Amino acid sequence: MLSVVIPVYNEKKTIEKVVDKIMSLTYIEKEVVIVDDASKDGTTQVLEGIKTKYPEIKILFKKLNEGKGAALRDGFKISTGDYVIVQDADLEYDPSEYKKLLDALNIEKTDVVYGSRFSGTYEDMSNLHYIGNKLLTLITNVLFGVLLTDMETCYKLIPGSFARKVKIKSKKFNFEPEITAKILKFGLKIREIPISYKGRSKMDGKHITWKDGISALMTLIKFRIMD
């Protein structure tokens, strides 16, 4: 079974569309875990409606906004799937591509599968985000001796047992470098496969900024040295 963990903060315009896409997938046994990170824009009310529509979905409503990493840490804890994948609550990543990642587990022996935007197709990514993603991936490769093309990708297919036992310390967007560092230090093999991506602007609700890039860099260095 695949556990889809969705961290949500102020995504009332898109969250139901994302959930509908996931629930329409009939080729996999799945559970959906949504963690609302104390949204203030009406997302909570939308999620109440989603819970009525899909009562089997697990929804955790947090009272305090802590960030994406903290939301995922809480979501992983209540997941039960053999594998876990993170799904952002916007429409930048397409849930129909889960099959590509799941198929990759059987094609070649691997532990973890990353969906790479840069070996696939990407649209509407700003120059700042492009350069930041490329730089952080390069630094990951240098620090850990790997050859990844997209460390910052949202689509990371991870064994459920690992996701539930790993101790996530990063509360915000620096979850991505921390989980990658811990996957590699634990000795798990990562395979990348091409995926598609359609970015959105800050005006459309994108939350990540250049400051998160600096934080990600410091996180990579930190978790290369320590656990």
N, C-alpha and C. Protein backbone atom coordinates (compact mmCIF):
# COMPACT_ATOMS: atom_id res chain seq x y z
N MET A 1 0.84 -1.20 0.00
CA MET A 1 0.00 0.00 0.00
C MET A 1 0.88 1.26 0.00
N LEU A 2 0.41 2.27 -0.70
CA LEU A 2 1.11 3.54 -0.78
C LEU A 2 0.43 4.58 0.11
N SER A 3 1.20 5.18 1.00
CA SER A 3 0.68 6.29 1.81
C SER A 3 1.07 7.60 1.14
N VAL A 4 0.08 8.43 0.84
CA VAL A 4 0.30 9.74 0.25
C VAL A 4 0.12 10.77 1.36
N VAL A 5 1.20 11.44 1.71
CA VAL A 5 1.15 12.41 2.81
C VAL A 5 1.17 13.82 2.22
N ILE A 6 0.15 14.60 2.56
CA ILE A 6 -0.03 15.93 1.98
C ILE A 6 0.04 17.00 3.08
N PRO A 7 1.13 17.78 3.12
CA PRO A 7 1.17 18.92 4.04
C PRO A 7 0.42 20.09 3.40
N VAL A 8 -0.44 20.74 4.18
CA VAL A 8 -1.29 21.79 3.61
C VAL A 8 -1.19 23.06 4.44
N TYR A 9 -0.96 24.18 3.76
CA TYR A 9 -1.03 25.48 4.43
C TYR A 9 -1.56 26.51 3.44
N ASN A 10 -2.77 26.99 3.70
CA ASN A 10 -3.40 28.02 2.87
C ASN A 10 -3.47 27.62 1.39
N GLU A 11 -4.12 26.49 1.12
CA GLU A 11 -4.25 25.99 -0.26
C GLU A 11 -5.71 25.68 -0.58
N LYS A 12 -6.62 26.55 -0.20
CA LYS A 12 -8.04 26.27 -0.39
C LYS A 12 -8.44 26.17 -1.86
N LYS A 13 -7.69 26.81 -2.74
CA LYS A 13 -8.05 26.81 -4.16
C LYS A 13 -7.71 25.50 -4.86
N THR A 14 -6.73 24.77 -4.33
CA THR A 14 -6.23 23.60 -5.07
C THR A 14 -6.34 22.27 -4.34
N ILE A 15 -6.46 22.28 -3.02
CA ILE A 15 -6.35 21.03 -2.27
C ILE A 15 -7.39 20.00 -2.69
N GLU A 16 -8.61 20.41 -2.93
CA GLU A 16 -9.63 19.42 -3.31
C GLU A 16 -9.34 18.81 -4.68
N LYS A 17 -8.83 19.62 -5.61
CA LYS A 17 -8.48 19.10 -6.93
C LYS A 17 -7.37 18.06 -6.82
N VAL A 18 -6.38 18.33 -5.96
CA VAL A 18 -5.28 17.39 -5.76
C VAL A 18 -5.81 16.08 -5.18
N VAL A 19 -6.67 16.19 -4.15
CA VAL A 19 -7.21 14.99 -3.52
C VAL A 19 -8.06 14.19 -4.52
N ASP A 20 -8.86 14.87 -5.31
CA ASP A 20 -9.68 14.18 -6.32
C ASP A 20 -8.80 13.39 -7.29
N LYS A 21 -7.69 14.00 -7.71
CA LYS A 21 -6.77 13.32 -8.62
C LYS A 21 -6.20 12.05 -7.99
N ILE A 22 -5.83 12.15 -6.72
CA ILE A 22 -5.26 10.99 -6.02
C ILE A 22 -6.31 9.90 -5.85
N MET A 23 -7.50 10.29 -5.43
CA MET A 23 -8.55 9.30 -5.17
C MET A 23 -9.05 8.64 -6.44
N SER A 24 -8.81 9.27 -7.60
CA SER A 24 -9.24 8.68 -8.87
C SER A 24 -8.28 7.59 -9.36
N LEU A 25 -7.11 7.46 -8.72
CA LEU A 25 -6.14 6.45 -9.13
C LEU A 25 -6.62 5.08 -8.69
N THR A 26 -6.86 4.21 -9.64
CA THR A 26 -7.45 2.90 -9.33
C THR A 26 -6.45 1.76 -9.38
N TYR A 27 -5.22 2.02 -9.82
CA TYR A 27 -4.25 0.93 -10.02
C TYR A 27 -3.44 0.62 -8.77
N ILE A 28 -3.64 1.39 -7.70
CA ILE A 28 -2.87 1.15 -6.48
C ILE A 28 -3.77 1.16 -5.25
N GLU A 29 -3.37 0.36 -4.26
CA GLU A 29 -3.99 0.47 -2.95
C GLU A 29 -3.32 1.64 -2.25
N LYS A 30 -4.09 2.55 -1.70
CA LYS A 30 -3.51 3.78 -1.17
C LYS A 30 -4.24 4.26 0.08
N GLU A 31 -3.53 5.02 0.88
CA GLU A 31 -4.14 5.79 1.95
C GLU A 31 -3.66 7.22 1.80
N VAL A 32 -4.54 8.15 2.13
CA VAL A 32 -4.20 9.57 2.04
C VAL A 32 -4.18 10.16 3.43
N VAL A 33 -3.07 10.80 3.75
CA VAL A 33 -2.91 11.46 5.05
C VAL A 33 -2.68 12.95 4.79
N ILE A 34 -3.58 13.78 5.28
CA ILE A 34 -3.47 15.23 5.10
C ILE A 34 -3.17 15.87 6.44
N VAL A 35 -2.18 16.76 6.46
CA VAL A 35 -1.85 17.50 7.68
C VAL A 35 -2.05 18.99 7.39
N ASP A 36 -3.07 19.57 8.00
CA ASP A 36 -3.34 21.00 7.86
C ASP A 36 -2.50 21.75 8.88
N ASP A 37 -1.58 22.56 8.38
CA ASP A 37 -0.61 23.25 9.24
C ASP A 37 -1.17 24.60 9.73
N ALA A 38 -2.34 24.53 10.35
CA ALA A 38 -3.00 25.72 10.92
C ALA A 38 -3.27 26.77 9.84
N SER A 39 -3.92 26.35 8.75
CA SER A 39 -4.26 27.27 7.67
C SER A 39 -5.20 28.37 8.15
N LYS A 40 -5.11 29.53 7.48
CA LYS A 40 -5.92 30.68 7.87
C LYS A 40 -6.82 31.20 6.75
N ASP A 41 -6.79 30.56 5.60
CA ASP A 41 -7.49 31.10 4.43
C ASP A 41 -8.79 30.39 4.09
N GLY A 42 -9.25 29.49 4.94
CA GLY A 42 -10.44 28.72 4.64
C GLY A 42 -10.15 27.29 4.21
N THR A 43 -8.87 26.93 4.15
CA THR A 43 -8.48 25.56 3.79
C THR A 43 -9.11 24.55 4.75
N THR A 44 -9.14 24.90 6.03
CA THR A 44 -9.69 23.99 7.04
C THR A 44 -11.13 23.61 6.72
N GLN A 45 -11.92 24.58 6.29
CA GLN A 45 -13.32 24.32 5.94
C GLN A 45 -13.41 23.43 4.70
N VAL A 46 -12.52 23.67 3.74
CA VAL A 46 -12.50 22.81 2.54
C VAL A 46 -12.16 21.38 2.94
N LEU A 47 -11.22 21.22 3.85
CA LEU A 47 -10.84 19.88 4.31
C LEU A 47 -11.98 19.17 5.03
N GLU A 48 -12.78 19.91 5.75
CA GLU A 48 -13.95 19.31 6.40
C GLU A 48 -14.88 18.72 5.36
N GLY A 49 -15.04 19.44 4.24
CA GLY A 49 -15.86 18.92 3.14
C GLY A 49 -15.24 17.70 2.49
N ILE A 50 -13.91 17.71 2.35
CA ILE A 50 -13.20 16.56 1.78
C ILE A 50 -13.39 15.34 2.68
N LYS A 51 -13.35 15.55 3.98
CA LYS A 51 -13.53 14.44 4.93
C LYS A 51 -14.91 13.83 4.79
N THR A 52 -15.90 14.64 4.51
CA THR A 52 -17.26 14.12 4.28
C THR A 52 -17.32 13.35 2.96
N LYS A 53 -16.64 13.87 1.96
CA LYS A 53 -16.62 13.26 0.62
C LYS A 53 -15.84 11.95 0.62
N TYR A 54 -14.72 11.93 1.33
CA TYR A 54 -13.86 10.74 1.39
C TYR A 54 -13.58 10.41 2.86
N PRO A 55 -14.50 9.76 3.54
CA PRO A 55 -14.33 9.51 4.98
C PRO A 55 -13.13 8.64 5.33
N GLU A 56 -12.58 7.92 4.36
CA GLU A 56 -11.44 7.06 4.63
C GLU A 56 -10.12 7.84 4.76
N ILE A 57 -10.11 9.09 4.35
CA ILE A 57 -8.90 9.91 4.42
C ILE A 57 -8.62 10.30 5.87
N LYS A 58 -7.33 10.24 6.23
CA LYS A 58 -6.90 10.70 7.55
C LYS A 58 -6.52 12.18 7.46
N ILE A 59 -7.13 13.01 8.31
CA ILE A 59 -6.80 14.43 8.31
C ILE A 59 -6.42 14.87 9.72
N LEU A 60 -5.25 15.46 9.82
CA LEU A 60 -4.76 15.98 11.10
C LEU A 60 -4.79 17.50 11.04
N PHE A 61 -5.52 18.11 11.96
CA PHE A 61 -5.60 19.57 12.02
C PHE A 61 -4.69 20.08 13.14
N LYS A 62 -3.64 20.78 12.76
CA LYS A 62 -2.71 21.32 13.75
C LYS A 62 -3.20 22.69 14.22
N LYS A 63 -2.99 22.98 15.48
CA LYS A 63 -3.40 24.26 16.05
C LYS A 63 -2.33 25.33 15.88
N LEU A 64 -1.09 24.90 15.68
CA LEU A 64 0.03 25.82 15.55
C LEU A 64 0.76 25.59 14.24
N ASN A 65 1.00 26.65 13.49
CA ASN A 65 1.74 26.55 12.24
C ASN A 65 3.22 26.35 12.53
N GLU A 66 3.78 25.24 12.07
CA GLU A 66 5.20 24.94 12.32
C GLU A 66 6.01 24.83 11.05
N GLY A 67 5.39 24.52 9.91
CA GLY A 67 6.14 24.39 8.67
C GLY A 67 5.98 23.02 8.03
N LYS A 68 6.45 22.93 6.78
CA LYS A 68 6.27 21.70 5.99
C LYS A 68 6.94 20.49 6.63
N GLY A 69 8.16 20.66 7.09
CA GLY A 69 8.88 19.53 7.68
C GLY A 69 8.16 18.98 8.90
N ALA A 70 7.68 19.86 9.76
CA ALA A 70 6.96 19.42 10.95
C ALA A 70 5.65 18.73 10.58
N ALA A 71 4.98 19.25 9.55
CA ALA A 71 3.73 18.63 9.09
C ALA A 71 3.99 17.22 8.55
N LEU A 72 5.06 17.06 7.81
CA LEU A 72 5.39 15.74 7.27
C LEU A 72 5.80 14.77 8.37
N ARG A 73 6.55 15.26 9.32
CA ARG A 73 6.93 14.42 10.47
C ARG A 73 5.67 13.86 11.14
N ASP A 74 4.68 14.72 11.36
CA ASP A 74 3.44 14.29 12.00
C ASP A 74 2.64 13.35 11.09
N GLY A 75 2.66 13.63 9.79
CA GLY A 75 1.94 12.77 8.85
C GLY A 75 2.55 11.40 8.70
N PHE A 76 3.88 11.35 8.66
CA PHE A 76 4.56 10.05 8.56
C PHE A 76 4.20 9.15 9.73
N LYS A 77 4.08 9.73 10.91
CA LYS A 77 3.82 8.95 12.12
C LYS A 77 2.51 8.17 12.04
N ILE A 78 1.51 8.73 11.36
CA ILE A 78 0.20 8.06 11.31
C ILE A 78 -0.02 7.33 9.98
N SER A 79 1.01 7.29 9.14
CA SER A 79 0.91 6.52 7.89
C SER A 79 1.11 5.03 8.19
N THR A 80 0.60 4.18 7.30
CA THR A 80 0.74 2.74 7.49
C THR A 80 1.23 2.01 6.24
N GLY A 81 1.49 2.75 5.16
CA GLY A 81 1.82 2.12 3.89
C GLY A 81 3.20 1.49 3.83
N ASP A 82 3.36 0.56 2.89
CA ASP A 82 4.68 -0.04 2.63
C ASP A 82 5.64 1.02 2.11
N TYR A 83 5.10 1.97 1.34
CA TYR A 83 5.87 3.09 0.85
C TYR A 83 5.11 4.38 1.12
N VAL A 84 5.87 5.46 1.25
CA VAL A 84 5.30 6.78 1.51
C VAL A 84 5.79 7.73 0.42
N ILE A 85 4.89 8.59 -0.04
CA ILE A 85 5.27 9.64 -0.98
C ILE A 85 4.65 10.95 -0.50
N VAL A 86 5.37 12.04 -0.70
CA VAL A 86 4.86 13.36 -0.34
C VAL A 86 4.19 13.98 -1.56
N GLN A 87 3.03 14.58 -1.34
CA GLN A 87 2.32 15.30 -2.39
C GLN A 87 2.06 16.72 -1.93
N ASP A 88 2.59 17.70 -2.65
CA ASP A 88 2.27 19.09 -2.31
C ASP A 88 0.79 19.35 -2.59
N ALA A 89 0.24 20.33 -1.89
CA ALA A 89 -1.20 20.59 -1.97
C ALA A 89 -1.58 21.50 -3.13
N ASP A 90 -0.60 21.89 -3.96
CA ASP A 90 -0.91 22.68 -5.15
C ASP A 90 -0.95 21.75 -6.36
N LEU A 91 -0.87 22.29 -7.53
CA LEU A 91 -0.97 21.47 -8.74
C LEU A 91 0.35 21.45 -9.52
N GLU A 92 1.47 21.66 -8.83
CA GLU A 92 2.76 21.66 -9.52
C GLU A 92 3.20 20.25 -9.92
N TYR A 93 2.80 19.26 -9.14
CA TYR A 93 3.15 17.86 -9.43
C TYR A 93 1.88 17.07 -9.70
N ASP A 94 1.95 16.14 -10.63
CA ASP A 94 0.77 15.39 -11.09
C ASP A 94 0.73 13.99 -10.47
N PRO A 95 -0.27 13.69 -9.62
CA PRO A 95 -0.37 12.38 -8.98
C PRO A 95 -0.45 11.20 -9.95
N SER A 96 -0.84 11.44 -11.19
CA SER A 96 -0.90 10.34 -12.15
C SER A 96 0.49 9.73 -12.39
N GLU A 97 1.54 10.44 -11.99
CA GLU A 97 2.90 9.95 -12.22
C GLU A 97 3.41 9.06 -11.09
N TYR A 98 2.59 8.80 -10.08
CA TYR A 98 3.01 7.85 -9.04
C TYR A 98 3.40 6.52 -9.67
N LYS A 99 2.67 6.13 -10.71
CA LYS A 99 2.91 4.82 -11.33
C LYS A 99 4.35 4.71 -11.85
N LYS A 100 4.89 5.81 -12.37
CA LYS A 100 6.27 5.79 -12.86
C LYS A 100 7.24 5.45 -11.73
N LEU A 101 7.01 6.07 -10.58
CA LEU A 101 7.90 5.83 -9.45
C LEU A 101 7.75 4.42 -8.91
N LEU A 102 6.51 3.95 -8.82
CA LEU A 102 6.27 2.60 -8.31
C LEU A 102 6.83 1.55 -9.25
N ASP A 103 6.68 1.76 -10.55
CA ASP A 103 7.22 0.82 -11.53
C ASP A 103 8.75 0.74 -11.43
N ALA A 104 9.38 1.87 -11.10
CA ALA A 104 10.84 1.90 -11.01
C ALA A 104 11.37 0.98 -9.92
N LEU A 105 10.56 0.71 -8.91
CA LEU A 105 10.98 -0.21 -7.85
C LEU A 105 11.21 -1.62 -8.38
N ASN A 106 10.46 -1.98 -9.40
CA ASN A 106 10.52 -3.34 -9.94
C ASN A 106 11.49 -3.47 -11.11
N ILE A 107 11.77 -2.35 -11.78
CA ILE A 107 12.64 -2.39 -12.95
C ILE A 107 14.09 -2.62 -12.54
N GLU A 108 14.50 -1.95 -11.49
CA GLU A 108 15.89 -2.06 -11.03
C GLU A 108 15.88 -2.06 -9.50
N LYS A 109 16.68 -2.93 -8.92
CA LYS A 109 16.70 -3.01 -7.46
C LYS A 109 17.14 -1.68 -6.87
N THR A 110 16.25 -1.10 -6.09
CA THR A 110 16.55 0.18 -5.44
C THR A 110 15.72 0.29 -4.18
N ASP A 111 16.05 1.23 -3.34
CA ASP A 111 15.33 1.41 -2.08
C ASP A 111 14.38 2.59 -2.14
N VAL A 112 14.83 3.66 -2.78
CA VAL A 112 14.11 4.93 -2.82
C VAL A 112 14.06 5.40 -4.27
N VAL A 113 12.94 6.02 -4.66
CA VAL A 113 12.83 6.56 -6.02
C VAL A 113 12.51 8.05 -5.93
N TYR A 114 13.31 8.86 -6.62
CA TYR A 114 13.07 10.30 -6.72
C TYR A 114 12.53 10.61 -8.13
N GLY A 115 11.53 11.46 -8.19
CA GLY A 115 11.05 11.95 -9.48
C GLY A 115 11.81 13.21 -9.85
N SER A 116 12.59 13.15 -10.92
CA SER A 116 13.44 14.28 -11.30
C SER A 116 12.75 15.17 -12.34
N ARG A 117 12.59 16.42 -11.99
CA ARG A 117 12.04 17.40 -12.92
C ARG A 117 13.03 17.72 -14.03
N PHE A 118 14.31 17.68 -13.71
CA PHE A 118 15.32 18.12 -14.66
C PHE A 118 15.73 17.05 -15.67
N SER A 119 15.36 15.81 -15.41
CA SER A 119 15.55 14.79 -16.44
C SER A 119 14.22 14.52 -17.14
N GLY A 120 13.17 15.21 -16.68
CA GLY A 120 11.86 15.12 -17.32
C GLY A 120 11.52 16.43 -17.99
N THR A 121 10.35 17.00 -17.67
CA THR A 121 9.94 18.28 -18.25
C THR A 121 9.51 19.22 -17.13
N TYR A 122 9.83 20.46 -17.28
CA TYR A 122 9.41 21.45 -16.29
C TYR A 122 9.01 22.75 -16.99
N GLU A 123 7.99 23.40 -16.44
CA GLU A 123 7.50 24.66 -16.99
C GLU A 123 7.37 25.69 -15.88
N ASP A 124 7.53 26.94 -16.25
CA ASP A 124 7.25 28.08 -15.36
C ASP A 124 8.04 28.02 -14.06
N MET A 125 9.29 27.57 -14.14
CA MET A 125 10.17 27.63 -12.98
C MET A 125 11.01 28.90 -13.11
N SER A 126 11.01 29.74 -12.08
CA SER A 126 11.77 30.99 -12.15
C SER A 126 13.27 30.70 -12.22
N ASN A 127 14.01 31.66 -12.73
CA ASN A 127 15.46 31.51 -12.82
C ASN A 127 16.08 31.29 -11.44
N LEU A 128 15.54 32.00 -10.44
CA LEU A 128 16.06 31.87 -9.08
C LEU A 128 15.88 30.45 -8.56
N HIS A 129 14.68 29.88 -8.77
CA HIS A 129 14.42 28.53 -8.28
C HIS A 129 15.22 27.50 -9.08
N TYR A 130 15.37 27.73 -10.37
CA TYR A 130 16.16 26.81 -11.20
C TYR A 130 17.61 26.76 -10.71
N ILE A 131 18.21 27.94 -10.56
CA ILE A 131 19.61 28.00 -10.13
C ILE A 131 19.75 27.43 -8.72
N GLY A 132 18.82 27.78 -7.83
CA GLY A 132 18.88 27.28 -6.46
C GLY A 132 18.78 25.77 -6.39
N ASN A 133 17.85 25.19 -7.15
CA ASN A 133 17.69 23.74 -7.17
C ASN A 133 18.94 23.04 -7.70
N LYS A 134 19.48 23.59 -8.79
CA LYS A 134 20.68 23.00 -9.39
C LYS A 134 21.88 23.08 -8.44
N LEU A 135 22.03 24.22 -7.79
CA LEU A 135 23.16 24.40 -6.88
C LEU A 135 23.06 23.47 -5.68
N LEU A 136 21.88 23.36 -5.11
CA LEU A 136 21.70 22.50 -3.93
C LEU A 136 21.91 21.03 -4.30
N THR A 137 21.50 20.64 -5.50
CA THR A 137 21.72 19.27 -5.95
C THR A 137 23.21 19.00 -6.15
N LEU A 138 23.91 19.96 -6.74
CA LEU A 138 25.36 19.82 -6.93
C LEU A 138 26.07 19.66 -5.59
N ILE A 139 25.69 20.47 -4.62
CA ILE A 139 26.33 20.39 -3.31
C ILE A 139 26.03 19.05 -2.65
N THR A 140 24.81 18.55 -2.82
CA THR A 140 24.46 17.22 -2.30
C THR A 140 25.37 16.17 -2.90
N ASN A 141 25.57 16.24 -4.20
CA ASN A 141 26.41 15.26 -4.89
C ASN A 141 27.85 15.30 -4.38
N VAL A 142 28.36 16.50 -4.16
CA VAL A 142 29.73 16.65 -3.68
C VAL A 142 29.87 16.12 -2.26
N LEU A 143 28.91 16.48 -1.40
CA LEU A 143 29.00 16.10 0.01
C LEU A 143 28.79 14.61 0.24
N PHE A 144 27.93 13.98 -0.59
CA PHE A 144 27.56 12.59 -0.32
C PHE A 144 28.04 11.61 -1.39
N GLY A 145 28.73 12.11 -2.41
CA GLY A 145 29.29 11.23 -3.42
C GLY A 145 28.26 10.52 -4.27
N VAL A 146 27.21 11.23 -4.64
CA VAL A 146 26.16 10.65 -5.49
C VAL A 146 26.04 11.46 -6.77
N LEU A 147 25.12 11.03 -7.64
CA LEU A 147 24.94 11.72 -8.92
C LEU A 147 23.44 12.01 -9.14
N LEU A 148 22.86 12.74 -8.24
CA LEU A 148 21.45 13.12 -8.38
C LEU A 148 21.31 14.30 -9.33
N THR A 149 20.11 14.44 -9.92
CA THR A 149 19.84 15.60 -10.77
C THR A 149 18.82 16.54 -10.14
N ASP A 150 18.10 16.08 -9.10
CA ASP A 150 17.04 16.91 -8.52
C ASP A 150 16.79 16.52 -7.06
N MET A 151 17.66 16.98 -6.18
CA MET A 151 17.51 16.66 -4.76
C MET A 151 16.26 17.27 -4.15
N GLU A 152 15.87 18.45 -4.62
CA GLU A 152 14.77 19.20 -4.01
C GLU A 152 13.39 18.75 -4.48
N THR A 153 13.30 17.75 -5.30
CA THR A 153 12.01 17.30 -5.80
C THR A 153 11.05 16.93 -4.66
N CYS A 154 9.78 17.20 -4.86
CA CYS A 154 8.76 16.79 -3.88
C CYS A 154 8.55 15.28 -3.91
N TYR A 155 8.60 14.70 -5.11
CA TYR A 155 8.29 13.28 -5.26
C TYR A 155 9.46 12.40 -4.85
N LYS A 156 9.40 11.96 -3.60
CA LYS A 156 10.37 11.02 -3.06
C LYS A 156 9.60 9.81 -2.55
N LEU A 157 9.77 8.68 -3.20
CA LEU A 157 9.10 7.44 -2.82
C LEU A 157 10.01 6.70 -1.84
N ILE A 158 9.58 6.64 -0.58
CA ILE A 158 10.43 6.17 0.51
C ILE A 158 9.78 4.98 1.21
N PRO A 159 10.56 3.98 1.62
CA PRO A 159 9.97 2.88 2.40
C PRO A 159 9.25 3.42 3.64
N GLY A 160 8.03 2.92 3.87
CA GLY A 160 7.25 3.40 5.00
C GLY A 160 7.92 3.19 6.33
N SER A 161 8.59 2.06 6.48
CA SER A 161 9.26 1.75 7.75
C SER A 161 10.35 2.79 8.05
N PHE A 162 11.07 3.22 7.01
CA PHE A 162 12.11 4.24 7.19
C PHE A 162 11.48 5.59 7.52
N ALA A 163 10.43 5.96 6.78
CA ALA A 163 9.78 7.26 6.98
C ALA A 163 9.24 7.39 8.40
N ARG A 164 8.75 6.28 8.94
CA ARG A 164 8.15 6.34 10.28
C ARG A 164 9.17 6.33 11.41
N LYS A 165 10.37 5.85 11.13
CA LYS A 165 11.37 5.79 12.21
C LYS A 165 12.40 6.91 12.15
N VAL A 166 12.56 7.54 10.97
CA VAL A 166 13.55 8.61 10.86
C VAL A 166 13.10 9.81 11.69
N LYS A 167 14.05 10.42 12.36
CA LYS A 167 13.74 11.58 13.21
C LYS A 167 13.97 12.86 12.41
N ILE A 168 12.87 13.49 12.00
CA ILE A 168 12.94 14.73 11.22
C ILE A 168 13.06 15.91 12.17
N LYS A 169 14.15 16.65 12.05
CA LYS A 169 14.38 17.80 12.92
C LYS A 169 14.03 19.13 12.24
N SER A 170 14.07 19.14 10.91
CA SER A 170 13.79 20.37 10.18
C SER A 170 12.29 20.62 10.10
N LYS A 171 11.86 21.77 10.53
CA LYS A 171 10.43 22.06 10.58
C LYS A 171 9.89 22.69 9.31
N LYS A 172 10.76 23.24 8.48
CA LYS A 172 10.25 23.99 7.34
C LYS A 172 10.64 23.32 6.01
N PHE A 173 10.96 24.12 4.98
CA PHE A 173 11.25 23.54 3.67
C PHE A 173 12.59 22.81 3.64
N ASN A 174 13.40 22.97 4.69
CA ASN A 174 14.67 22.24 4.71
C ASN A 174 14.48 20.76 5.03
N PHE A 175 13.24 20.32 5.06
CA PHE A 175 12.94 18.88 5.13
C PHE A 175 13.63 18.14 3.98
N GLU A 176 13.60 18.71 2.78
CA GLU A 176 14.11 18.00 1.59
C GLU A 176 15.58 17.63 1.72
N PRO A 177 16.47 18.57 2.05
CA PRO A 177 17.88 18.17 2.21
C PRO A 177 18.09 17.26 3.41
N GLU A 178 17.33 17.44 4.48
CA GLU A 178 17.52 16.58 5.65
C GLU A 178 17.14 15.14 5.33
N ILE A 179 15.98 14.92 4.71
CA ILE A 179 15.56 13.55 4.43
C ILE A 179 16.51 12.90 3.43
N THR A 180 17.01 13.69 2.46
CA THR A 180 17.97 13.14 1.49
C THR A 180 19.27 12.74 2.19
N ALA A 181 19.76 13.62 3.06
CA ALA A 181 20.99 13.31 3.79
C ALA A 181 20.83 12.05 4.62
N LYS A 182 19.69 11.89 5.26
CA LYS A 182 19.50 10.74 6.14
C LYS A 182 19.26 9.45 5.35
N ILE A 183 18.62 9.57 4.20
CA ILE A 183 18.47 8.41 3.31
C ILE A 183 19.85 7.89 2.89
N LEU A 184 20.71 8.82 2.46
CA LEU A 184 22.04 8.44 1.97
C LEU A 184 22.94 7.94 3.10
N LYS A 185 22.89 8.59 4.25
CA LYS A 185 23.73 8.16 5.37
C LYS A 185 23.27 6.81 5.93
N PHE A 186 22.00 6.49 5.74
CA PHE A 186 21.48 5.20 6.19
C PHE A 186 21.87 4.08 5.23
N GLY A 187 22.37 4.46 4.05
CA GLY A 187 22.83 3.47 3.09
C GLY A 187 21.78 3.04 2.08
N LEU A 188 20.68 3.79 1.97
CA LEU A 188 19.64 3.45 1.00
C LEU A 188 20.03 3.95 -0.38
N LYS A 189 19.70 3.18 -1.40
CA LYS A 189 20.02 3.54 -2.77
C LYS A 189 18.88 4.34 -3.38
N ILE A 190 19.22 5.47 -4.01
CA ILE A 190 18.22 6.32 -4.66
C ILE A 190 18.32 6.15 -6.17
N ARG A 191 17.18 5.91 -6.79
CA ARG A 191 17.11 5.91 -8.25
C ARG A 191 16.21 7.06 -8.69
N GLU A 192 16.57 7.76 -9.75
CA GLU A 192 15.76 8.86 -10.27
C GLU A 192 15.05 8.44 -11.55
N ILE A 193 13.83 8.94 -11.71
CA ILE A 193 13.10 8.74 -12.98
C ILE A 193 12.51 10.10 -13.38
N PRO A 194 12.32 10.32 -14.69
CA PRO A 194 11.80 11.61 -15.15
C PRO A 194 10.33 11.81 -14.79
N ILE A 195 10.01 13.03 -14.37
CA ILE A 195 8.62 13.41 -14.13
C ILE A 195 8.37 14.79 -14.75
N SER A 196 7.12 15.21 -14.73
CA SER A 196 6.77 16.54 -15.24
C SER A 196 6.48 17.48 -14.07
N TYR A 197 6.59 18.76 -14.34
CA TYR A 197 6.41 19.77 -13.29
C TYR A 197 5.92 21.06 -13.93
N LYS A 198 4.95 21.68 -13.29
CA LYS A 198 4.46 22.98 -13.75
C LYS A 198 4.44 23.92 -12.55
N GLY A 199 5.38 24.83 -12.52
CA GLY A 199 5.53 25.71 -11.37
C GLY A 199 4.47 26.79 -11.28
N ARG A 200 4.44 27.43 -10.14
CA ARG A 200 3.54 28.57 -9.95
C ARG A 200 4.33 29.71 -9.33
N SER A 201 3.78 30.90 -9.42
CA SER A 201 4.47 32.08 -8.92
C SER A 201 4.07 32.39 -7.49
N LYS A 202 4.80 33.33 -6.89
CA LYS A 202 4.46 33.77 -5.53
C LYS A 202 3.06 34.35 -5.51
N MET A 203 2.69 35.04 -6.60
CA MET A 203 1.36 35.63 -6.69
C MET A 203 0.27 34.55 -6.65
N ASP A 204 0.60 33.38 -7.20
CA ASP A 204 -0.35 32.26 -7.23
C ASP A 204 -0.34 31.46 -5.93
N GLY A 205 0.57 31.80 -5.02
CA GLY A 205 0.57 31.14 -3.71
C GLY A 205 1.81 30.36 -3.36
N LYS A 206 2.87 30.46 -4.19
CA LYS A 206 4.09 29.70 -3.88
C LYS A 206 4.72 30.27 -2.61
N HIS A 207 5.07 29.39 -1.68
CA HIS A 207 5.54 29.83 -0.37
C HIS A 207 7.06 29.93 -0.25
N ILE A 208 7.80 29.13 -1.01
CA ILE A 208 9.24 29.04 -0.82
C ILE A 208 9.95 30.28 -1.36
N THR A 209 11.03 30.73 -0.68
CA THR A 209 11.77 31.92 -1.08
C THR A 209 13.27 31.62 -1.08
N TRP A 210 14.08 32.61 -1.46
CA TRP A 210 15.53 32.44 -1.50
C TRP A 210 16.09 32.13 -0.11
N LYS A 211 15.42 32.61 0.93
CA LYS A 211 15.89 32.33 2.28
C LYS A 211 15.84 30.84 2.59
N ASP A 212 14.85 30.16 2.00
CA ASP A 212 14.75 28.71 2.20
C ASP A 212 15.91 27.99 1.52
N GLY A 213 16.43 28.58 0.44
CA GLY A 213 17.59 28.00 -0.22
C GLY A 213 18.83 28.06 0.67
N ILE A 214 19.01 29.18 1.34
CA ILE A 214 20.13 29.32 2.27
C ILE A 214 20.00 28.31 3.41
N SER A 215 18.77 28.17 3.91
CA SER A 215 18.51 27.22 5.00
C SER A 215 18.80 25.79 4.53
N ALA A 216 18.42 25.48 3.28
CA ALA A 216 18.66 24.14 2.75
C ALA A 216 20.15 23.84 2.67
N LEU A 217 20.93 24.84 2.25
CA LEU A 217 22.38 24.67 2.17
C LEU A 217 22.97 24.36 3.54
N MET A 218 22.57 25.13 4.53
CA MET A 218 23.08 24.91 5.88
C MET A 218 22.64 23.55 6.42
N THR A 219 21.44 23.12 6.03
CA THR A 219 20.94 21.82 6.47
C THR A 219 21.76 20.69 5.89
N LEU A 220 22.11 20.79 4.61
CA LEU A 220 22.95 19.77 3.97
C LEU A 220 24.27 19.61 4.71
N ILE A 221 24.91 20.73 5.00
CA ILE A 221 26.19 20.69 5.70
C ILE A 221 26.02 20.12 7.10
N LYS A 222 24.99 20.56 7.78
CA LYS A 222 24.73 20.12 9.15
C LYS A 222 24.56 18.61 9.23
N PHE A 223 23.70 18.05 8.34
CA PHE A 223 23.40 16.63 8.44
C PHE A 223 24.43 15.76 7.72
N ARG A 224 25.37 16.36 7.02
CA ARG A 224 26.51 15.60 6.52
C ARG A 224 27.45 15.29 7.68
N ILE A 225 27.48 16.23 8.63
CA ILE A 225 28.40 16.10 9.77
C ILE A 225 27.77 15.31 10.92
N MET A 226 26.47 15.56 11.16
CA MET A 226 25.81 14.96 12.30
C MET A 226 24.60 14.14 11.88
N ASP A 227 23.99 13.41 12.83
CA ASP A 227 22.82 12.59 12.55
C ASP A 227 21.56 13.46 12.55
